[in-house]
C-alpha atoms as a PDB file:
ATOM      1  CA  MET A   1      17.105   3.513  10.328  1.00  0.00           C
ATOM      2  CA  SER A   2      16.270   6.516   8.178  1.00  0.00           C
ATOM      3  CA  THR A   3      16.979  10.019   9.395  1.00  0.00           C
ATOM      4  CA  LEU A   4      14.034  12.318  10.046  1.00  0.00           C
ATOM      5  CA  THR A   5      13.992  15.949   8.969  1.00  0.00           C
ATOM      6  CA  ASN A   6      14.988  18.712  11.419  1.00  0.00           C
ATOM      7  CA  SER A   7      11.339  19.398  12.229  1.00  0.00           C
ATOM      8  CA  TYR A   8       9.606  16.374  13.725  1.00  0.00           C
ATOM      9  CA  SER A   9       7.486  15.331  16.685  1.00  0.00           C
ATOM     10  CA  THR A  10       8.080  12.378  18.990  1.00  0.00           C
ATOM     11  CA  LEU A  11       5.683  10.422  21.157  1.00  0.00           C
ATOM     12  CA  ALA A  12       7.982   8.941  23.813  1.00  0.00           C
ATOM     13  CA  LEU A  13       7.979   5.416  25.203  1.00  0.00           C
ATOM     14  CA  GLY A  14       5.468   5.166  28.057  1.00  0.00           C
ATOM     15  CA  THR A  15       3.180   7.853  26.591  1.00  0.00           C
ATOM     16  CA  GLN A  16      -0.374   6.846  25.668  1.00  0.00           C
ATOM     17  CA  VAL A  17      -2.714   8.851  23.450  1.00  0.00           C
ATOM     18  CA  LYS A  18      -6.386   8.175  22.712  1.00  0.00           C
ATOM     19  CA  GLY A  19      -7.532  10.328  19.822  1.00  0.00           C
ATOM     20  CA  ASN A  20      -6.584  11.385  16.325  1.00  0.00           C
ATOM     21  CA  ILE A  21      -3.227  12.928  15.404  1.00  0.00           C
ATOM     22  CA  ILE A  22      -2.630  15.341  12.526  1.00  0.00           C
ATOM     23  CA  ALA A  23       1.004  16.150  11.702  1.00  0.00           C
ATOM     24  CA  GLU A  24       2.338  18.505   9.036  1.00  0.00           C
ATOM     25  CA  ASN A  25       5.922  17.237   9.474  1.00  0.00           C
ATOM     26  CA  ASP A  26       7.620  13.950  10.356  1.00  0.00           C
ATOM     27  CA  ILE A  27       6.567  12.103  13.489  1.00  0.00           C
ATOM     28  CA  ARG A  28       8.073   9.220  15.458  1.00  0.00           C
ATOM     29  CA  ILE A  29       5.914   7.014  17.686  1.00  0.00           C
ATOM     30  CA  ASP A  30       7.608   5.097  20.502  1.00  0.00           C
ATOM     31  CA  GLY A  31       4.535   5.123  22.752  1.00  0.00           C
ATOM     32  CA  THR A  32       0.950   3.937  22.218  1.00  0.00           C
ATOM     33  CA  ILE A  33      -1.713   5.593  20.068  1.00  0.00           C
ATOM     34  CA  GLU A  34      -5.331   4.534  19.810  1.00  0.00           C
ATOM     35  CA  GLY A  35      -6.766   6.610  16.981  1.00  0.00           C
ATOM     36  CA  GLU A  36      -6.250   7.750  13.427  1.00  0.00           C
ATOM     37  CA  ILE A  37      -2.988   9.343  12.238  1.00  0.00           C
ATOM     38  CA  ASN A  38      -2.740  11.758   9.304  1.00  0.00           C
ATOM     39  CA  CYS A  39       0.866  12.708   8.599  1.00  0.00           C
ATOM     40  CA  LYS A  40       2.024  14.780   5.624  1.00  0.00           C
ATOM     41  CA  GLY A  41       5.652  13.870   6.367  1.00  0.00           C
ATOM     42  CA  LYS A  42       7.316  10.578   7.241  1.00  0.00           C
ATOM     43  CA  LEU A  43       5.876   8.463  10.046  1.00  0.00           C
ATOM     44  CA  VAL A  44       8.151   6.133  12.019  1.00  0.00           C
ATOM     45  CA  ILE A  45       6.697   3.610  14.445  1.00  0.00           C
ATOM     46  CA  GLY A  46       9.596   2.603  16.696  1.00  0.00           C
ATOM     47  CA  ALA A  47      10.282  -0.916  17.973  1.00  0.00           C
ATOM     48  CA  ASN A  48       8.258  -0.211  21.151  1.00  0.00           C
ATOM     49  CA  GLY A  49       5.534   1.749  19.348  1.00  0.00           C
ATOM     50  CA  LEU A  50       1.940   0.565  19.021  1.00  0.00           C
ATOM     51  CA  VAL A  51      -0.652   2.225  16.800  1.00  0.00           C
ATOM     52  CA  THR A  52      -4.237   0.939  16.818  1.00  0.00           C
ATOM     53  CA  GLY A  53      -6.078   2.805  14.087  1.00  0.00           C
ATOM     54  CA  ASN A  54      -5.870   3.792  10.447  1.00  0.00           C
ATOM     55  CA  ILE A  55      -2.886   5.718   9.069  1.00  0.00           C
ATOM     56  CA  ASN A  56      -2.705   8.136   6.149  1.00  0.00           C
ATOM     57  CA  CYS A  57       0.835   9.340   5.379  1.00  0.00           C
ATOM     58  CA  SER A  58       3.440  10.212   2.747  1.00  0.00           C
ATOM     59  CA  ASN A  59       6.019   7.606   3.844  1.00  0.00           C
ATOM     60  CA  ILE A  60       6.116   5.162   6.732  1.00  0.00           C
ATOM     61  CA  GLU A  61       8.733   2.978   8.390  1.00  0.00           C
ATOM     62  CA  ILE A  62       7.499   0.441  10.935  1.00  0.00           C
ATOM     63  CA  LEU A  63       9.647  -1.376  13.471  1.00  0.00           C
ATOM     64  CA  GLY A  64       6.864  -1.926  16.039  1.00  0.00           C
ATOM     65  CA  ASN A  65       3.166  -2.818  15.960  1.00  0.00           C
ATOM     66  CA  GLN A  66       0.290  -1.439  13.929  1.00  0.00           C
ATOM     67  CA  LYS A  67      -3.339  -2.625  13.785  1.00  0.00           C
ATOM     68  CA  GLY A  68      -5.444  -0.920  11.128  1.00  0.00           C
ATOM     69  CA  ASN A  69      -5.274   0.147   7.518  1.00  0.00           C
ATOM     70  CA  ILE A  70      -2.413   2.145   5.985  1.00  0.00           C
ATOM     71  CA  SER A  71      -2.812   4.508   3.041  1.00  0.00           C
ATOM     72  CA  CYS A  72       0.592   5.790   1.931  1.00  0.00           C
ATOM     73  CA  SER A  73       1.268   7.976  -1.121  1.00  0.00           C
ATOM     74  CA  GLY A  74       4.969   7.026  -1.134  1.00  0.00           C
ATOM     75  CA  ASN A  75       6.902   4.141   0.401  1.00  0.00           C
ATOM     76  CA  VAL A  76       6.036   1.646   3.150  1.00  0.00           C
ATOM     77  CA  VAL A  77       8.964  -0.070   4.892  1.00  0.00           C
ATOM     78  CA  LEU A  78       8.333  -2.953   7.296  1.00  0.00           C
ATOM     79  CA  ARG A  79      11.517  -3.548   9.285  1.00  0.00           C
ATOM     80  CA  ARG A  80      12.560  -6.705  11.085  1.00  0.00           C
ATOM     81  CA  GLY A  81      10.400  -7.064  14.203  1.00  0.00           C
ATOM     82  CA  ALA A  82       7.428  -5.163  12.739  1.00  0.00           C
ATOM     83  CA  ASN A  83       3.991  -6.711  13.299  1.00  0.00           C
ATOM     84  CA  ILE A  84       1.263  -5.341  11.007  1.00  0.00           C
ATOM     85  CA  ASN A  85      -2.425  -6.304  10.765  1.00  0.00           C
ATOM     86  CA  GLY A  86      -4.520  -4.556   8.109  1.00  0.00           C
ATOM     87  CA  GLU A  87      -4.814  -3.430   4.534  1.00  0.00           C
ATOM     88  CA  ILE A  88      -1.972  -1.446   2.934  1.00  0.00           C
ATOM     89  CA  LYS A  89      -2.372   0.854  -0.078  1.00  0.00           C
ATOM     90  CA  THR A  90       0.936   2.315  -1.291  1.00  0.00           C
ATOM     91  CA  ARG A  91       3.141   3.048  -4.298  1.00  0.00           C
ATOM     92  CA  THR A  92       6.000   0.820  -3.079  1.00  0.00           C
ATOM     93  CA  ILE A  93       6.502  -1.597  -0.196  1.00  0.00           C
ATOM     94  CA  GLU A  94       9.639  -3.097   1.303  1.00  0.00           C
ATOM     95  CA  ILE A  95       9.385  -6.000   3.761  1.00  0.00           C
ATOM     96  CA  GLU A  96      12.490  -7.147   5.619  1.00  0.00           C
ATOM     97  CA  SER A  97      12.994 -10.713   6.738  1.00  0.00           C
ATOM     98  CA  GLY A  98      11.569 -11.045  10.242  1.00  0.00           C
ATOM     99  CA  ALA A  99       8.678  -8.610   9.697  1.00  0.00           C
ATOM    100  CA  LYS A 100       5.166 -10.040  10.177  1.00  0.00           C
ATOM    101  CA  TYR A 101       2.345  -8.844   7.925  1.00  0.00           C
ATOM    102  CA  ASN A 102      -1.237 -10.121   7.980  1.00  0.00           C
ATOM    103  CA  GLY A 103      -3.510  -8.392   5.478  1.00  0.00           C
ATOM    104  CA  SER A 104      -3.851  -7.361   1.866  1.00  0.00           C
ATOM    105  CA  CYS A 105      -1.720  -4.963  -0.142  1.00  0.00           C
ATOM    106  CA  SER A 106      -2.683  -2.792  -3.127  1.00  0.00           C
ATOM    107  CA  ILE A 107      -0.040  -1.019  -5.208  1.00  0.00           C
ATOM    108  CA  LEU A 108      -1.128   2.422  -6.419  1.00  0.00           C
ATOM    109  CA  ASP A 109      -0.251   3.890  -9.827  1.00  0.00           C
END
């Protein structure tokens, strides 16, 4: 898995949040979020993470579950075990064998 920068936030396993999240730096989600996420850094959804809502970010790596649309100005990586439902708009996308993706994908210029 990719290394996050020195300044990042973590939502731990067992933590549930209902509401929108705005992050200036990297964030890792191992808990559950129901709401929109806007992240200027890298967003990682861990294997136990669940995000229900739209995501706007610079880069994203998903090992867990996400339901909603993703708008990413950089790279989207769907790791083995990821389960994604929604539209993805990104510059590049990488899908590992074993990742599940149900939706449409648009590649940005």
